[in-house]
Amino acid sequence: MAGIGREFMEKTKYQNLPESPQEQGLPQPPLQLPCPAEAVLIELPRVEQIRVKQVDLQTAIAKRRSLREFSRASLSLDELAYFL
Protein backbone atom coordinates (compact mmCIF):
# COMPACT_ATOMS: atom_id res chain seq x y z
CA MET A 1 0.00 0.00 0.00
CA ALA A 2 1.46 3.31 -0.99
CA GLY A 3 0.50 6.92 -1.23
CA ILE A 4 -2.19 8.60 0.80
CA GLY A 5 -3.49 5.36 2.33
CA ARG A 6 -0.14 4.57 3.96
CA GLU A 7 0.25 8.20 5.09
CA PHE A 8 -3.22 8.13 6.70
CA MET A 9 -2.45 4.87 8.51
CA GLU A 10 0.81 6.26 9.90
CA LYS A 11 -0.59 9.63 10.98
CA THR A 12 -3.59 8.08 12.79
CA LYS A 13 -1.62 5.63 14.94
CA TYR A 14 -2.16 6.22 18.65
CA GLN A 15 1.37 7.48 19.24
CA ASN A 16 0.85 10.17 16.56
CA LEU A 17 -2.47 11.47 17.88
CA PRO A 18 -2.56 14.59 20.07
CA GLU A 19 -3.07 14.26 23.82
CA SER A 20 -6.77 13.76 24.62
CA PRO A 21 -8.67 16.18 26.89
CA GLN A 22 -8.83 13.37 29.48
CA GLU A 23 -5.03 12.97 29.36
CA GLN A 24 -4.72 16.75 29.75
CA GLY A 25 -6.69 16.53 33.01
CA LEU A 26 -9.62 18.56 31.71
CA PRO A 27 -13.01 17.91 33.33
CA GLN A 28 -15.55 15.70 31.59
CA PRO A 29 -18.09 17.72 29.62
CA PRO A 30 -21.68 17.64 30.90
CA LEU A 31 -23.71 14.59 29.89
CA GLN A 32 -26.56 16.82 28.77
CA LEU A 33 -26.91 20.49 27.98
CA PRO A 34 -29.23 22.66 30.06
CA CYS A 35 -32.71 23.14 28.65
CA PRO A 36 -33.25 26.65 27.22
CA ALA A 37 -35.59 28.78 29.35
CA GLU A 38 -37.97 29.33 26.41
CA ALA A 39 -38.27 25.61 25.64
CA VAL A 40 -41.67 23.97 25.92
CA LEU A 41 -41.51 20.79 27.97
CA ILE A 42 -43.96 18.03 27.12
CA GLU A 43 -44.97 15.66 29.88
CA LEU A 44 -44.76 12.08 28.59
CA PRO A 45 -47.05 9.36 29.89
CA ARG A 46 -45.59 7.09 32.55
CA VAL A 47 -44.45 3.71 31.24
CA GLU A 48 -46.90 1.95 33.54
CA GLN A 49 -49.78 3.76 31.81
CA ILE A 50 -48.83 2.64 28.28
CA ARG A 51 -50.67 -0.36 26.89
CA VAL A 52 -48.40 -2.51 24.72
CA LYS A 53 -49.52 -5.56 22.79
CA GLN A 54 -47.72 -8.56 24.26
CA VAL A 55 -45.77 -10.66 21.73
CA ASP A 56 -43.64 -13.65 22.64
CA LEU A 57 -40.00 -13.53 21.55
CA GLN A 58 -40.25 -16.38 19.02
CA THR A 59 -43.15 -14.68 17.21
CA ALA A 60 -41.38 -11.31 17.23
CA ILE A 61 -38.25 -12.87 15.69
CA ALA A 62 -40.26 -14.79 13.09
CA LYS A 63 -42.20 -11.67 12.01
CA ARG A 64 -39.28 -9.24 11.98
CA ARG A 65 -38.49 -7.45 8.74
CA SER A 66 -36.43 -4.57 7.48
CA LEU A 67 -38.14 -1.52 6.00
CA ARG A 68 -36.45 0.95 3.68
CA GLU A 69 -39.50 3.16 3.33
CA PHE A 70 -40.78 5.12 6.26
CA SER A 71 -44.19 6.53 7.12
CA ARG A 72 -44.69 10.27 7.37
CA ALA A 73 -47.07 9.70 10.29
CA SER A 74 -45.85 11.12 13.59
CA LEU A 75 -45.35 8.94 16.65
CA SER A 76 -47.97 9.23 19.36
CA LEU A 77 -46.83 10.40 22.80
CA ASP A 78 -47.36 6.85 24.08
CA GLU A 79 -45.12 5.41 21.34
CA LEU A 80 -42.44 8.02 21.96
CA ALA A 81 -42.50 7.47 25.72
CA TYR A 82 -42.28 3.69 25.24
CA PHE A 83 -39.28 3.96 22.91
CA LEU A 84 -37.48 6.40 25.20
PDB file of N, CA and C in Angstrom:
ATOM      1  N   MET A   1       0.858  -1.176   0.000  1.00  0.00           N
ATOM      2  CA  MET A   1       0.000   0.000   0.000  1.00  0.00           C
ATOM      3  C   MET A   1       0.898   1.230   0.000  1.00  0.00           C
ATOM      4  N   ALA A   2       0.629   2.124  -0.885  1.00  0.00           N
ATOM      5  CA  ALA A   2       1.462   3.310  -0.992  1.00  0.00           C
ATOM      6  C   ALA A   2       0.582   4.545  -1.052  1.00  0.00           C
ATOM      7  N   GLY A   3       1.208   5.663  -1.042  1.00  0.00           N
ATOM      8  CA  GLY A   3       0.501   6.924  -1.225  1.00  0.00           C
ATOM      9  C   GLY A   3      -0.273   7.365  -0.007  1.00  0.00           C
ATOM     10  N   ILE A   4      -1.413   7.976  -0.261  1.00  0.00           N
ATOM     11  CA  ILE A   4      -2.191   8.603   0.797  1.00  0.00           C
ATOM     12  C   ILE A   4      -2.719   7.607   1.826  1.00  0.00           C
ATOM     13  N   GLY A   5      -3.013   6.376   1.402  1.00  0.00           N
ATOM     14  CA  GLY A   5      -3.492   5.363   2.335  1.00  0.00           C
ATOM     15  C   GLY A   5      -2.462   5.050   3.405  1.00  0.00           C
ATOM     16  N   ARG A   6      -1.220   4.848   3.005  1.00  0.00           N
ATOM     17  CA  ARG A   6      -0.143   4.572   3.962  1.00  0.00           C
ATOM     18  C   ARG A   6       0.079   5.780   4.880  1.00  0.00           C
ATOM     19  N   GLU A   7       0.054   6.970   4.298  1.00  0.00           N
ATOM     20  CA  GLU A   7       0.246   8.203   5.090  1.00  0.00           C
ATOM     21  C   GLU A   7      -0.854   8.325   6.148  1.00  0.00           C
ATOM     22  N   PHE A   8      -2.096   8.065   5.756  1.00  0.00           N
ATOM     23  CA  PHE A   8      -3.216   8.129   6.697  1.00  0.00           C
ATOM     24  C   PHE A   8      -3.017   7.134   7.829  1.00  0.00           C
ATOM     25  N   MET A   9      -2.656   5.905   7.485  1.00  0.00           N
ATOM     26  CA  MET A   9      -2.454   4.872   8.506  1.00  0.00           C
ATOM     27  C   MET A   9      -1.361   5.267   9.491  1.00  0.00           C
ATOM     28  N   GLU A  10      -0.293   5.858   9.012  1.00  0.00           N
ATOM     29  CA  GLU A  10       0.808   6.260   9.905  1.00  0.00           C
ATOM     30  C   GLU A  10       0.398   7.428  10.803  1.00  0.00           C
ATOM     31  N   LYS A  11      -0.249   8.424  10.220  1.00  0.00           N
ATOM     32  CA  LYS A  11      -0.595   9.628  10.985  1.00  0.00           C
ATOM     33  C   LYS A  11      -1.708   9.399  11.995  1.00  0.00           C
ATOM     34  N   THR A  12      -2.494   8.329  11.852  1.00  0.00           N
ATOM     35  CA  THR A  12      -3.591   8.083  12.792  1.00  0.00           C
ATOM     36  C   THR A  12      -3.268   6.982  13.798  1.00  0.00           C
ATOM     37  N   LYS A  13      -2.021   6.572  13.879  1.00  0.00           N
ATOM     38  CA  LYS A  13      -1.621   5.635  14.935  1.00  0.00           C
ATOM     39  C   LYS A  13      -1.693   6.355  16.266  1.00  0.00           C
ATOM     40  N   TYR A  14      -1.989   5.612  17.334  1.00  0.00           N
ATOM     41  CA  TYR A  14      -2.163   6.216  18.652  1.00  0.00           C
ATOM     42  C   TYR A  14      -0.999   7.110  19.048  1.00  0.00           C
ATOM     43  N   GLN A  15       0.227   6.684  18.807  1.00  0.00           N
ATOM     44  CA  GLN A  15       1.369   7.477  19.236  1.00  0.00           C
ATOM     45  C   GLN A  15       1.478   8.799  18.476  1.00  0.00           C
ATOM     46  N   ASN A  16       0.800   8.934  17.342  1.00  0.00           N
ATOM     47  CA  ASN A  16       0.855  10.167  16.564  1.00  0.00           C
ATOM     48  C   ASN A  16      -0.326  11.099  16.817  1.00  0.00           C
ATOM     49  N   LEU A  17      -1.298  10.641  17.602  1.00  0.00           N
ATOM     50  CA  LEU A  17      -2.468  11.470  17.878  1.00  0.00           C
ATOM     51  C   LEU A  17      -2.148  12.464  18.993  1.00  0.00           C
ATOM     52  N   PRO A  18      -2.794  13.628  18.998  1.00  0.00           N
ATOM     53  CA  PRO A  18      -2.559  14.593  20.074  1.00  0.00           C
ATOM     54  C   PRO A  18      -3.091  14.066  21.404  1.00  0.00           C
ATOM     55  N   GLU A  19      -2.629  14.654  22.487  1.00  0.00           N
ATOM     56  CA  GLU A  19      -3.074  14.264  23.820  1.00  0.00           C
ATOM     57  C   GLU A  19      -4.568  14.557  23.963  1.00  0.00           C
ATOM     58  N   SER A  20      -5.319  13.592  24.478  1.00  0.00           N
ATOM     59  CA  SER A  20      -6.771  13.760  24.623  1.00  0.00           C
ATOM     60  C   SER A  20      -7.079  14.723  25.768  1.00  0.00           C
ATOM     61  N   PRO A  21      -8.285  15.316  25.777  1.00  0.00           N
ATOM     62  CA  PRO A  21      -8.670  16.181  26.895  1.00  0.00           C
ATOM     63  C   PRO A  21      -8.581  15.446  28.236  1.00  0.00           C
ATOM     64  N   GLN A  22      -8.916  14.148  28.243  1.00  0.00           N
ATOM     65  CA  GLN A  22      -8.825  13.365  29.479  1.00  0.00           C
ATOM     66  C   GLN A  22      -7.377  13.282  29.948  1.00  0.00           C
ATOM     67  N   GLU A  23      -6.457  13.033  29.011  1.00  0.00           N
ATOM     68  CA  GLU A  23      -5.034  12.966  29.363  1.00  0.00           C
ATOM     69  C   GLU A  23      -4.513  14.322  29.822  1.00  0.00           C
ATOM     70  N   GLN A  24      -5.122  15.406  29.360  1.00  0.00           N
ATOM     71  CA  GLN A  24      -4.721  16.754  29.750  1.00  0.00           C
ATOM     72  C   GLN A  24      -5.279  17.138  31.114  1.00  0.00           C
ATOM     73  N   GLY A  25      -6.124  16.264  31.695  1.00  0.00           N
ATOM     74  CA  GLY A  25      -6.694  16.528  33.012  1.00  0.00           C
ATOM     75  C   GLY A  25      -7.891  17.458  32.980  1.00  0.00           C
ATOM     76  N   LEU A  26      -8.455  17.687  31.809  1.00  0.00           N
ATOM     77  CA  LEU A  26      -9.624  18.555  31.709  1.00  0.00           C
ATOM     78  C   LEU A  26     -10.851  17.827  32.239  1.00  0.00           C
ATOM     79  N   PRO A  27     -11.810  18.561  32.798  1.00  0.00           N
ATOM     80  CA  PRO A  27     -13.012  17.910  33.332  1.00  0.00           C
ATOM     81  C   PRO A  27     -13.871  17.338  32.214  1.00  0.00           C
ATOM     82  N   GLN A  28     -14.633  16.315  32.548  1.00  0.00           N
ATOM     83  CA  GLN A  28     -15.553  15.703  31.592  1.00  0.00           C
ATOM     84  C   GLN A  28     -16.638  16.713  31.237  1.00  0.00           C
ATOM     85  N   PRO A  29     -16.997  16.812  29.973  1.00  0.00           N
ATOM     86  CA  PRO A  29     -18.094  17.722  29.615  1.00  0.00           C
ATOM     87  C   PRO A  29     -19.403  17.209  30.199  1.00  0.00           C
ATOM     88  N   PRO A  30     -20.407  18.084  30.334  1.00  0.00           N
ATOM     89  CA  PRO A  30     -21.683  17.640  30.902  1.00  0.00           C
ATOM     90  C   PRO A  30     -22.330  16.569  30.013  1.00  0.00           C
ATOM     91  N   LEU A  31     -23.049  15.650  30.641  1.00  0.00           N
ATOM     92  CA  LEU A  31     -23.714  14.589  29.894  1.00  0.00           C
ATOM     93  C   LEU A  31     -24.895  15.115  29.091  1.00  0.00           C
ATOM     94  N   GLN A  32     -25.484  16.207  29.540  1.00  0.00           N
ATOM     95  CA  GLN A  32     -26.556  16.823  28.772  1.00  0.00           C
ATOM     96  C   GLN A  32     -26.464  18.326  28.945  1.00  0.00           C
ATOM     97  N   LEU A  33     -26.915  19.042  27.939  1.00  0.00           N
ATOM     98  CA  LEU A  33     -26.910  20.494  27.983  1.00  0.00           C
ATOM     99  C   LEU A  33     -28.141  20.973  28.731  1.00  0.00           C
ATOM    100  N   PRO A  34     -28.051  22.143  29.367  1.00  0.00           N
ATOM    101  CA  PRO A  34     -29.230  22.657  30.057  1.00  0.00           C
ATOM    102  C   PRO A  34     -30.333  22.988  29.046  1.00  0.00           C
ATOM    103  N   CYS A  35     -31.553  22.856  29.494  1.00  0.00           N
ATOM    104  CA  CYS A  35     -32.709  23.138  28.647  1.00  0.00           C
ATOM    105  C   CYS A  35     -32.882  24.656  28.551  1.00  0.00           C
ATOM    106  N   PRO A  36     -33.036  25.201  27.339  1.00  0.00           N
ATOM    107  CA  PRO A  36     -33.248  26.651  27.220  1.00  0.00           C
ATOM    108  C   PRO A  36     -34.504  27.090  27.977  1.00  0.00           C
ATOM    109  N   ALA A  37     -34.470  28.285  28.542  1.00  0.00           N
ATOM    110  CA  ALA A  37     -35.593  28.785  29.347  1.00  0.00           C
ATOM    111  C   ALA A  37     -36.879  28.882  28.541  1.00  0.00           C
ATOM    112  N   GLU A  38     -36.767  29.161  27.237  1.00  0.00           N
ATOM    113  CA  GLU A  38     -37.966  29.327  26.406  1.00  0.00           C
ATOM    114  C   GLU A  38     -38.500  28.004  25.849  1.00  0.00           C
ATOM    115  N   ALA A  39     -37.843  26.906  26.154  1.00  0.00           N
ATOM    116  CA  ALA A  39     -38.270  25.606  25.635  1.00  0.00           C
ATOM    117  C   ALA A  39     -39.597  25.179  26.251  1.00  0.00           C
ATOM    118  N   VAL A  40     -40.397  24.511  25.439  1.00  0.00           N
ATOM    119  CA  VAL A  40     -41.672  23.972  25.916  1.00  0.00           C
ATOM    120  C   VAL A  40     -41.442  22.508  26.279  1.00  0.00           C
ATOM    121  N   LEU A  41     -41.678  22.166  27.526  1.00  0.00           N
ATOM    122  CA  LEU A  41     -41.506  20.786  27.974  1.00  0.00           C
ATOM    123  C   LEU A  41     -42.831  20.044  27.841  1.00  0.00           C
ATOM    124  N   ILE A  42     -42.765  18.849  27.303  1.00  0.00           N
ATOM    125  CA  ILE A  42     -43.958  18.032  27.116  1.00  0.00           C
ATOM    126  C   ILE A  42     -43.894  16.869  28.088  1.00  0.00           C
ATOM    127  N   GLU A  43     -44.905  16.750  28.904  1.00  0.00           N
ATOM    128  CA  GLU A  43     -44.971  15.659  29.875  1.00  0.00           C
ATOM    129  C   GLU A  43     -45.333  14.367  29.138  1.00  0.00           C
ATOM    130  N   LEU A  44     -44.478  13.368  29.232  1.00  0.00           N
ATOM    131  CA  LEU A  44     -44.756  12.082  28.589  1.00  0.00           C
ATOM    132  C   LEU A  44     -45.518  11.181  29.556  1.00  0.00           C
ATOM    133  N   PRO A  45     -46.326  10.296  29.017  1.00  0.00           N
ATOM    134  CA  PRO A  45     -47.047   9.358  29.893  1.00  0.00           C
ATOM    135  C   PRO A  45     -46.062   8.438  30.621  1.00  0.00           C
ATOM    136  N   ARG A  46     -46.430   8.036  31.806  1.00  0.00           N
ATOM    137  CA  ARG A  46     -45.590   7.095  32.547  1.00  0.00           C
ATOM    138  C   ARG A  46     -45.642   5.739  31.855  1.00  0.00           C
ATOM    139  N   VAL A  47     -44.542   5.005  31.907  1.00  0.00           N
ATOM    140  CA  VAL A  47     -44.450   3.711  31.237  1.00  0.00           C
ATOM    141  C   VAL A  47     -45.546   2.763  31.728  1.00  0.00           C
ATOM    142  N   GLU A  48     -45.871   2.840  32.996  1.00  0.00           N
ATOM    143  CA  GLU A  48     -46.899   1.946  33.544  1.00  0.00           C
ATOM    144  C   GLU A  48     -48.259   2.209  32.916  1.00  0.00           C
ATOM    145  N   GLN A  49     -48.491   3.392  32.385  1.00  0.00           N
ATOM    146  CA  GLN A  49     -49.781   3.757  31.807  1.00  0.00           C
ATOM    147  C   GLN A  49     -49.909   3.348  30.339  1.00  0.00           C
ATOM    148  N   ILE A  50     -48.825   2.942  29.707  1.00  0.00           N
ATOM    149  CA  ILE A  50     -48.828   2.638  28.283  1.00  0.00           C
ATOM    150  C   ILE A  50     -49.239   1.190  28.070  1.00  0.00           C
ATOM    151  N   ARG A  51     -50.208   0.989  27.206  1.00  0.00           N
ATOM    152  CA  ARG A  51     -50.670  -0.362  26.891  1.00  0.00           C
ATOM    153  C   ARG A  51     -49.917  -0.837  25.651  1.00  0.00           C
ATOM    154  N   VAL A  52     -49.196  -1.944  25.804  1.00  0.00           N
ATOM    155  CA  VAL A  52     -48.397  -2.506  24.716  1.00  0.00           C
ATOM    156  C   VAL A  52     -48.899  -3.918  24.435  1.00  0.00           C
ATOM    157  N   LYS A  53     -49.093  -4.215  23.159  1.00  0.00           N
ATOM    158  CA  LYS A  53     -49.524  -5.558  22.786  1.00  0.00           C
ATOM    159  C   LYS A  53     -48.403  -6.546  23.123  1.00  0.00           C
ATOM    160  N   GLN A  54     -48.714  -7.576  23.869  1.00  0.00           N
ATOM    161  CA  GLN A  54     -47.718  -8.563  24.258  1.00  0.00           C
ATOM    162  C   GLN A  54     -47.451  -9.530  23.101  1.00  0.00           C
ATOM    163  N   VAL A  55     -46.182  -9.737  22.781  1.00  0.00           N
ATOM    164  CA  VAL A  55     -45.769 -10.664  21.732  1.00  0.00           C
ATOM    165  C   VAL A  55     -44.628 -11.501  22.291  1.00  0.00           C
ATOM    166  N   ASP A  56     -44.729 -12.823  22.127  1.00  0.00           N
ATOM    167  CA  ASP A  56     -43.639 -13.650  22.637  1.00  0.00           C
ATOM    168  C   ASP A  56     -42.420 -13.497  21.720  1.00  0.00           C
ATOM    169  N   LEU A  57     -41.255 -13.757  22.249  1.00  0.00           N
ATOM    170  CA  LEU A  57     -39.996 -13.531  21.548  1.00  0.00           C
ATOM    171  C   LEU A  57     -39.917 -14.306  20.236  1.00  0.00           C
ATOM    172  N   GLN A  58     -40.329 -15.554  20.229  1.00  0.00           N
ATOM    173  CA  GLN A  58     -40.249 -16.378  19.020  1.00  0.00           C
ATOM    174  C   GLN A  58     -41.093 -15.773  17.892  1.00  0.00           C
ATOM    175  N   THR A  59     -42.288 -15.302  18.213  1.00  0.00           N
ATOM    176  CA  THR A  59     -43.154 -14.680  17.213  1.00  0.00           C
ATOM    177  C   THR A  59     -42.541 -13.373  16.714  1.00  0.00           C
ATOM    178  N   ALA A  60     -41.997 -12.580  17.616  1.00  0.00           N
ATOM    179  CA  ALA A  60     -41.375 -11.313  17.235  1.00  0.00           C
ATOM    180  C   ALA A  60     -40.212 -11.549  16.277  1.00  0.00           C
ATOM    181  N   ILE A  61     -39.396 -12.557  16.562  1.00  0.00           N
ATOM    182  CA  ILE A  61     -38.252 -12.867  15.690  1.00  0.00           C
ATOM    183  C   ILE A  61     -38.743 -13.373  14.337  1.00  0.00           C
ATOM    184  N   ALA A  62     -39.746 -14.228  14.337  1.00  0.00           N
ATOM    185  CA  ALA A  62     -40.262 -14.791  13.086  1.00  0.00           C
ATOM    186  C   ALA A  62     -40.895 -13.722  12.198  1.00  0.00           C
ATOM    187  N   LYS A  63     -41.497 -12.705  12.792  1.00  0.00           N
ATOM    188  CA  LYS A  63     -42.196 -11.675  12.011  1.00  0.00           C
ATOM    189  C   LYS A  63     -41.345 -10.439  11.727  1.00  0.00           C
ATOM    190  N   ARG A  64     -40.093 -10.438  12.186  1.00  0.00           N
ATOM    191  CA  ARG A  64     -39.278  -9.236  11.984  1.00  0.00           C
ATOM    192  C   ARG A  64     -38.997  -9.027  10.505  1.00  0.00           C
ATOM    193  N   ARG A  65     -38.808  -7.776  10.125  1.00  0.00           N
ATOM    194  CA  ARG A  65     -38.493  -7.447   8.737  1.00  0.00           C
ATOM    195  C   ARG A  65     -37.801  -6.103   8.714  1.00  0.00           C
ATOM    196  N   SER A  66     -37.147  -5.827   7.640  1.00  0.00           N
ATOM    197  CA  SER A  66     -36.426  -4.569   7.481  1.00  0.00           C
ATOM    198  C   SER A  66     -37.194  -3.693   6.497  1.00  0.00           C
ATOM    199  N   LEU A  67     -37.428  -2.457   6.872  1.00  0.00           N
ATOM    200  CA  LEU A  67     -38.135  -1.521   6.004  1.00  0.00           C
ATOM    201  C   LEU A  67     -37.177  -0.451   5.510  1.00  0.00           C
ATOM    202  N   ARG A  68     -37.276  -0.115   4.248  1.00  0.00           N
ATOM    203  CA  ARG A  68     -36.446   0.953   3.681  1.00  0.00           C
ATOM    204  C   ARG A  68     -37.291   2.172   3.336  1.00  0.00           C
ATOM    205  N   GLU A  69     -38.602   2.044   3.535  1.00  0.00           N
ATOM    206  CA  GLU A  69     -39.503   3.161   3.325  1.00  0.00           C
ATOM    207  C   GLU A  69     -40.155   3.464   4.666  1.00  0.00           C
ATOM    208  N   PHE A  70     -40.276   4.733   4.961  1.00  0.00           N
ATOM    209  CA  PHE A  70     -40.778   5.124   6.264  1.00  0.00           C
ATOM    210  C   PHE A  70     -42.054   5.935   6.126  1.00  0.00           C
ATOM    211  N   SER A  71     -42.916   5.802   7.100  1.00  0.00           N
ATOM    212  CA  SER A  71     -44.186   6.525   7.119  1.00  0.00           C
ATOM    213  C   SER A  71     -43.941   7.979   7.495  1.00  0.00           C
ATOM    214  N   ARG A  72     -44.769   8.849   6.990  1.00  0.00           N
ATOM    215  CA  ARG A  72     -44.694  10.267   7.367  1.00  0.00           C
ATOM    216  C   ARG A  72     -45.522  10.546   8.623  1.00  0.00           C
ATOM    217  N   ALA A  73     -46.227   9.524   9.102  1.00  0.00           N
ATOM    218  CA  ALA A  73     -47.074   9.697  10.289  1.00  0.00           C
ATOM    219  C   ALA A  73     -46.191   9.900  11.526  1.00  0.00           C
ATOM    220  N   SER A  74     -46.595  10.845  12.362  1.00  0.00           N
ATOM    221  CA  SER A  74     -45.849  11.117  13.592  1.00  0.00           C
ATOM    222  C   SER A  74     -46.103  10.023  14.625  1.00  0.00           C
ATOM    223  N   LEU A  75     -45.158   9.864  15.535  1.00  0.00           N
ATOM    224  CA  LEU A  75     -45.346   8.936  16.652  1.00  0.00           C
ATOM    225  C   LEU A  75     -46.321   9.554  17.643  1.00  0.00           C
ATOM    226  N   SER A  76     -47.104   8.734  18.271  1.00  0.00           N
ATOM    227  CA  SER A  76     -47.965   9.225  19.356  1.00  0.00           C
ATOM    228  C   SER A  76     -47.092   9.446  20.588  1.00  0.00           C
ATOM    229  N   LEU A  77     -47.594  10.186  21.560  1.00  0.00           N
ATOM    230  CA  LEU A  77     -46.834  10.400  22.797  1.00  0.00           C
ATOM    231  C   LEU A  77     -46.587   9.073  23.514  1.00  0.00           C
ATOM    232  N   ASP A  78     -47.548   8.158  23.465  1.00  0.00           N
ATOM    233  CA  ASP A  78     -47.357   6.848  24.083  1.00  0.00           C
ATOM    234  C   ASP A  78     -46.218   6.100  23.420  1.00  0.00           C
ATOM    235  N   GLU A  79     -46.194   6.104  22.072  1.00  0.00           N
ATOM    236  CA  GLU A  79     -45.125   5.409  21.341  1.00  0.00           C
ATOM    237  C   GLU A  79     -43.761   6.019  21.655  1.00  0.00           C
ATOM    238  N   LEU A  80     -43.697   7.336  21.653  1.00  0.00           N
ATOM    239  CA  LEU A  80     -42.441   8.020  21.959  1.00  0.00           C
ATOM    240  C   LEU A  80     -41.960   7.686  23.366  1.00  0.00           C
ATOM    241  N   ALA A  81     -42.859   7.767  24.337  1.00  0.00           N
ATOM    242  CA  ALA A  81     -42.498   7.469  25.725  1.00  0.00           C
ATOM    243  C   ALA A  81     -42.016   6.029  25.864  1.00  0.00           C
ATOM    244  N   TYR A  82     -42.675   5.105  25.169  1.00  0.00           N
ATOM    245  CA  TYR A  82     -42.277   3.693  25.237  1.00  0.00           C
ATOM    246  C   TYR A  82     -40.877   3.500  24.664  1.00  0.00           C
ATOM    247  N   PHE A  83     -40.595   4.109  23.523  1.00  0.00           N
ATOM    248  CA  PHE A  83     -39.277   3.965  22.914  1.00  0.00           C
ATOM    249  C   PHE A  83     -38.189   4.589  23.774  1.00  0.00           C
ATOM    250  N   LEU A  84     -38.482   5.735  24.358  1.00  0.00           N
ATOM    251  CA  LEU A  84     -37.485   6.402  25.200  1.00  0.00           C
ATOM    252  C   LEU A  84     -37.256   5.644  26.472  1.00  0.00           C
TER     253      LEU A  84
END
